[in-house]
């Protein structure tokens, strides 16, 4: 299981280059403010909105971090919702 910081780093490396510059600024702002939890949530949201497919392995890893690595409880349900929407889209595309 990745720590929240490590998960944010990994997800940002995968998502940041493929989302629009305007969305990138939100993610970068979270990281600059020291809020990796919100950076994870933003990556999940912006990747979904912009049609970027995240593999089940990535979704599993993010979900594990959200549930077991001290992730911000106030964001937990919201982030799990993005994960669920990604999974629904992946399933529909299969």
N, C-alpha and C. Protein backbone atom coordinates (compact mmCIF):
# COMPACT_ATOMS: atom_id res chain seq x y z
N UNK A 1 0.85 -1.18 0.00
CA UNK A 1 0.00 0.00 0.00
C UNK A 1 0.89 1.25 0.00
N UNK A 2 0.54 2.17 -0.85
CA UNK A 2 1.28 3.43 -0.92
C UNK A 2 0.77 4.42 0.13
N UNK A 3 1.67 5.24 0.63
CA UNK A 3 1.25 6.34 1.50
C UNK A 3 0.47 7.35 0.66
N UNK A 4 -0.20 8.26 1.33
CA UNK A 4 -0.95 9.28 0.60
C UNK A 4 0.00 10.10 -0.28
N UNK A 5 1.15 10.48 0.26
CA UNK A 5 2.12 11.27 -0.52
C UNK A 5 2.62 10.49 -1.74
N UNK A 6 2.98 9.22 -1.54
CA UNK A 6 3.47 8.41 -2.65
C UNK A 6 2.39 8.16 -3.69
N UNK A 7 1.15 7.95 -3.23
CA UNK A 7 0.04 7.75 -4.17
C UNK A 7 -0.19 9.00 -4.99
N UNK A 8 -0.15 10.15 -4.33
CA UNK A 8 -0.33 11.41 -5.05
C UNK A 8 0.76 11.58 -6.10
N UNK A 9 2.01 11.30 -5.73
CA UNK A 9 3.12 11.42 -6.69
C UNK A 9 2.90 10.51 -7.89
N UNK A 10 2.54 9.27 -7.64
CA UNK A 10 2.34 8.30 -8.73
C UNK A 10 1.18 8.71 -9.63
N UNK A 11 0.06 9.10 -9.02
CA UNK A 11 -1.11 9.47 -9.80
C UNK A 11 -0.87 10.75 -10.60
N UNK A 12 -0.20 11.71 -9.99
CA UNK A 12 0.11 12.96 -10.69
C UNK A 12 1.00 12.69 -11.89
N UNK A 13 1.98 11.81 -11.76
CA UNK A 13 2.86 11.48 -12.90
C UNK A 13 2.05 10.88 -14.05
N UNK A 14 1.02 10.11 -13.73
CA UNK A 14 0.22 9.47 -14.78
C UNK A 14 -0.82 10.41 -15.38
N UNK A 15 -1.46 11.23 -14.54
CA UNK A 15 -2.61 12.02 -14.99
C UNK A 15 -2.23 13.43 -15.45
N UNK A 16 -1.31 14.08 -14.76
CA UNK A 16 -1.03 15.48 -15.06
C UNK A 16 -0.68 15.75 -16.52
N UNK A 17 0.16 14.94 -17.15
CA UNK A 17 0.52 15.24 -18.55
C UNK A 17 -0.64 15.13 -19.55
N UNK A 18 -1.72 14.48 -19.18
CA UNK A 18 -2.79 14.24 -20.16
C UNK A 18 -4.09 14.99 -19.85
N UNK A 19 -4.07 15.85 -18.84
CA UNK A 19 -5.26 16.67 -18.57
C UNK A 19 -4.98 18.10 -19.03
N UNK A 20 -6.04 18.87 -19.31
CA UNK A 20 -5.84 20.25 -19.77
C UNK A 20 -5.05 21.10 -18.77
N UNK A 21 -4.37 22.09 -19.29
CA UNK A 21 -3.53 22.97 -18.48
C UNK A 21 -4.33 23.60 -17.33
N UNK A 22 -5.55 24.01 -17.58
CA UNK A 22 -6.36 24.62 -16.53
C UNK A 22 -6.57 23.65 -15.37
N UNK A 23 -6.81 22.39 -15.68
CA UNK A 23 -6.99 21.37 -14.64
C UNK A 23 -5.66 21.07 -13.95
N UNK A 24 -4.58 21.10 -14.71
CA UNK A 24 -3.26 20.88 -14.13
C UNK A 24 -2.97 21.89 -13.03
N UNK A 25 -3.42 23.13 -13.23
CA UNK A 25 -3.13 24.18 -12.25
C UNK A 25 -3.80 23.88 -10.90
N UNK A 26 -4.98 23.26 -10.92
CA UNK A 26 -5.63 22.89 -9.67
C UNK A 26 -4.81 21.83 -8.93
N UNK A 27 -4.36 20.82 -9.67
CA UNK A 27 -3.58 19.74 -9.06
C UNK A 27 -2.26 20.28 -8.51
N UNK A 28 -1.58 21.09 -9.31
CA UNK A 28 -0.31 21.66 -8.87
C UNK A 28 -0.50 22.54 -7.64
N UNK A 29 -1.60 23.29 -7.61
CA UNK A 29 -1.89 24.13 -6.45
C UNK A 29 -2.05 23.31 -5.18
N UNK A 30 -2.71 22.17 -5.29
CA UNK A 30 -2.88 21.29 -4.13
C UNK A 30 -1.52 20.81 -3.62
N UNK A 31 -0.67 20.42 -4.55
CA UNK A 31 0.66 19.93 -4.17
C UNK A 31 1.49 21.04 -3.54
N UNK A 32 1.41 22.24 -4.11
CA UNK A 32 2.15 23.38 -3.57
C UNK A 32 1.67 23.74 -2.16
N UNK A 33 0.40 23.52 -1.90
CA UNK A 33 -0.17 23.81 -0.58
C UNK A 33 0.02 22.66 0.39
N UNK A 34 0.66 21.58 -0.06
CA UNK A 34 0.90 20.44 0.81
C UNK A 34 -0.35 19.62 1.09
N UNK A 35 -1.23 19.52 0.09
CA UNK A 35 -2.48 18.78 0.24
C UNK A 35 -2.55 17.63 -0.78
N UNK A 36 -1.79 16.55 -0.53
CA UNK A 36 -1.78 15.45 -1.48
C UNK A 36 -3.14 14.74 -1.58
N UNK A 37 -3.94 14.77 -0.52
CA UNK A 37 -5.26 14.16 -0.54
C UNK A 37 -6.14 14.82 -1.61
N UNK A 38 -6.13 16.14 -1.62
CA UNK A 38 -6.94 16.86 -2.60
C UNK A 38 -6.36 16.69 -4.00
N UNK A 39 -5.04 16.57 -4.10
CA UNK A 39 -4.42 16.32 -5.41
C UNK A 39 -4.89 14.99 -5.98
N UNK A 40 -4.99 13.97 -5.12
CA UNK A 40 -5.50 12.66 -5.55
C UNK A 40 -6.94 12.80 -6.02
N UNK A 41 -7.76 13.46 -5.23
CA UNK A 41 -9.17 13.64 -5.59
C UNK A 41 -9.29 14.40 -6.92
N UNK A 42 -8.51 15.47 -7.07
CA UNK A 42 -8.55 16.23 -8.32
C UNK A 42 -8.12 15.38 -9.51
N UNK A 43 -7.08 14.58 -9.34
CA UNK A 43 -6.63 13.70 -10.43
C UNK A 43 -7.73 12.73 -10.83
N UNK A 44 -8.42 12.18 -9.84
CA UNK A 44 -9.50 11.24 -10.14
C UNK A 44 -10.64 11.95 -10.87
N UNK A 45 -10.99 13.14 -10.41
CA UNK A 45 -12.08 13.90 -11.03
C UNK A 45 -11.71 14.34 -12.44
N UNK A 46 -10.57 14.98 -12.60
CA UNK A 46 -10.22 15.53 -13.90
C UNK A 46 -9.94 14.45 -14.93
N UNK A 47 -9.39 13.33 -14.49
CA UNK A 47 -9.17 12.24 -15.46
C UNK A 47 -10.52 11.69 -15.93
N UNK A 48 -11.48 11.59 -15.04
CA UNK A 48 -12.81 11.11 -15.44
C UNK A 48 -13.48 12.10 -16.39
N UNK A 49 -13.50 13.35 -16.00
CA UNK A 49 -14.16 14.38 -16.80
C UNK A 49 -13.54 14.48 -18.20
N UNK A 50 -12.24 14.29 -18.28
CA UNK A 50 -11.54 14.43 -19.56
C UNK A 50 -11.41 13.12 -20.33
N UNK A 51 -12.11 12.08 -19.86
CA UNK A 51 -12.15 10.83 -20.60
C UNK A 51 -10.88 10.01 -20.57
N UNK A 52 -10.07 10.21 -19.55
CA UNK A 52 -8.81 9.47 -19.43
C UNK A 52 -9.08 8.17 -18.69
N UNK A 53 -8.72 7.07 -19.30
CA UNK A 53 -8.96 5.77 -18.69
C UNK A 53 -7.82 5.44 -17.74
N UNK A 54 -8.18 5.10 -16.52
CA UNK A 54 -7.21 4.62 -15.54
C UNK A 54 -7.42 3.12 -15.38
N UNK A 55 -6.34 2.38 -15.38
CA UNK A 55 -6.43 0.92 -15.29
C UNK A 55 -7.02 0.49 -13.95
N UNK A 56 -7.53 -0.72 -13.93
CA UNK A 56 -8.05 -1.27 -12.67
C UNK A 56 -6.95 -1.33 -11.61
N UNK A 57 -5.72 -1.58 -12.02
CA UNK A 57 -4.61 -1.61 -11.08
C UNK A 57 -4.39 -0.26 -10.40
N UNK A 58 -4.47 0.80 -11.18
CA UNK A 58 -4.34 2.15 -10.62
C UNK A 58 -5.51 2.44 -9.69
N UNK A 59 -6.71 2.09 -10.14
CA UNK A 59 -7.90 2.33 -9.30
C UNK A 59 -7.82 1.54 -8.00
N UNK A 60 -7.36 0.30 -8.07
CA UNK A 60 -7.20 -0.52 -6.86
C UNK A 60 -6.21 0.12 -5.90
N UNK A 61 -5.10 0.61 -6.43
CA UNK A 61 -4.08 1.23 -5.60
C UNK A 61 -4.59 2.50 -4.92
N UNK A 62 -5.28 3.34 -5.68
CA UNK A 62 -5.84 4.56 -5.11
C UNK A 62 -6.87 4.22 -4.05
N UNK A 63 -7.74 3.26 -4.34
CA UNK A 63 -8.77 2.87 -3.38
C UNK A 63 -8.15 2.37 -2.07
N UNK A 64 -7.11 1.57 -2.18
CA UNK A 64 -6.45 1.06 -0.98
C UNK A 64 -5.86 2.21 -0.15
N UNK A 65 -5.25 3.16 -0.82
CA UNK A 65 -4.70 4.33 -0.12
C UNK A 65 -5.80 5.12 0.56
N UNK A 66 -6.89 5.36 -0.15
CA UNK A 66 -8.00 6.13 0.40
C UNK A 66 -8.60 5.45 1.63
N UNK A 67 -8.68 4.13 1.59
CA UNK A 67 -9.32 3.40 2.69
C UNK A 67 -8.39 3.10 3.86
N UNK A 68 -7.08 3.00 3.61
CA UNK A 68 -6.21 2.46 4.65
C UNK A 68 -4.95 3.25 4.96
N UNK A 69 -4.72 4.38 4.35
CA UNK A 69 -3.44 5.07 4.53
C UNK A 69 -3.56 6.43 5.21
N UNK A 70 -4.62 6.63 5.97
CA UNK A 70 -4.77 7.90 6.66
C UNK A 70 -5.24 9.04 5.76
N UNK A 71 -5.95 8.69 4.71
CA UNK A 71 -6.49 9.67 3.77
C UNK A 71 -7.50 10.56 4.47
N UNK A 72 -7.62 11.79 4.02
CA UNK A 72 -8.54 12.78 4.60
C UNK A 72 -9.97 12.24 4.60
N UNK A 73 -10.52 12.03 5.78
CA UNK A 73 -11.88 11.46 5.91
C UNK A 73 -12.94 12.34 5.25
N UNK A 74 -12.71 13.64 5.21
CA UNK A 74 -13.72 14.53 4.61
C UNK A 74 -13.77 14.38 3.08
N UNK A 75 -12.71 13.83 2.49
CA UNK A 75 -12.67 13.61 1.04
C UNK A 75 -12.93 12.16 0.65
N UNK A 76 -12.94 11.28 1.63
CA UNK A 76 -12.97 9.85 1.34
C UNK A 76 -14.16 9.43 0.48
N UNK A 77 -15.37 9.78 0.86
CA UNK A 77 -16.55 9.38 0.09
C UNK A 77 -16.54 9.96 -1.32
N UNK A 78 -16.12 11.20 -1.42
CA UNK A 78 -16.07 11.86 -2.73
C UNK A 78 -15.08 11.13 -3.65
N UNK A 79 -13.89 10.84 -3.14
CA UNK A 79 -12.86 10.18 -3.95
C UNK A 79 -13.29 8.76 -4.31
N UNK A 80 -13.89 8.05 -3.36
CA UNK A 80 -14.39 6.70 -3.66
C UNK A 80 -15.46 6.76 -4.75
N UNK A 81 -16.23 7.83 -4.76
CA UNK A 81 -17.24 8.02 -5.81
C UNK A 81 -16.60 8.16 -7.18
N UNK A 82 -15.49 8.92 -7.28
CA UNK A 82 -14.78 9.05 -8.56
C UNK A 82 -14.24 7.69 -8.99
N UNK A 83 -13.70 6.94 -8.03
CA UNK A 83 -13.18 5.61 -8.36
C UNK A 83 -14.29 4.73 -8.91
N UNK A 84 -15.45 4.76 -8.26
CA UNK A 84 -16.59 3.96 -8.71
C UNK A 84 -17.02 4.35 -10.12
N UNK A 85 -17.01 5.64 -10.41
CA UNK A 85 -17.40 6.10 -11.75
C UNK A 85 -16.38 5.64 -12.80
N UNK A 86 -15.10 5.68 -12.44
CA UNK A 86 -14.07 5.16 -13.35
C UNK A 86 -14.31 3.68 -13.62
N UNK A 87 -14.60 2.92 -12.57
CA UNK A 87 -14.82 1.48 -12.72
C UNK A 87 -16.04 1.21 -13.61
N UNK A 88 -17.10 1.98 -13.41
CA UNK A 88 -18.31 1.82 -14.24
C UNK A 88 -17.97 2.07 -15.72
N UNK A 89 -17.22 3.10 -15.98
CA UNK A 89 -16.84 3.43 -17.35
C UNK A 89 -15.95 2.33 -17.94
N UNK A 90 -15.00 1.84 -17.14
CA UNK A 90 -14.13 0.76 -17.63
C UNK A 90 -14.94 -0.48 -17.94
N UNK A 91 -15.89 -0.80 -17.08
CA UNK A 91 -16.72 -1.99 -17.28
C UNK A 91 -17.59 -1.85 -18.53
N UNK A 92 -18.14 -0.66 -18.73
CA UNK A 92 -19.00 -0.42 -19.90
C UNK A 92 -18.18 -0.51 -21.20
N UNK A 93 -16.93 -0.14 -21.14
CA UNK A 93 -16.08 -0.16 -22.34
C UNK A 93 -15.56 -1.55 -22.67
N UNK A 94 -15.65 -2.45 -21.70
CA UNK A 94 -15.10 -3.80 -21.92
C UNK A 94 -15.99 -4.66 -22.79
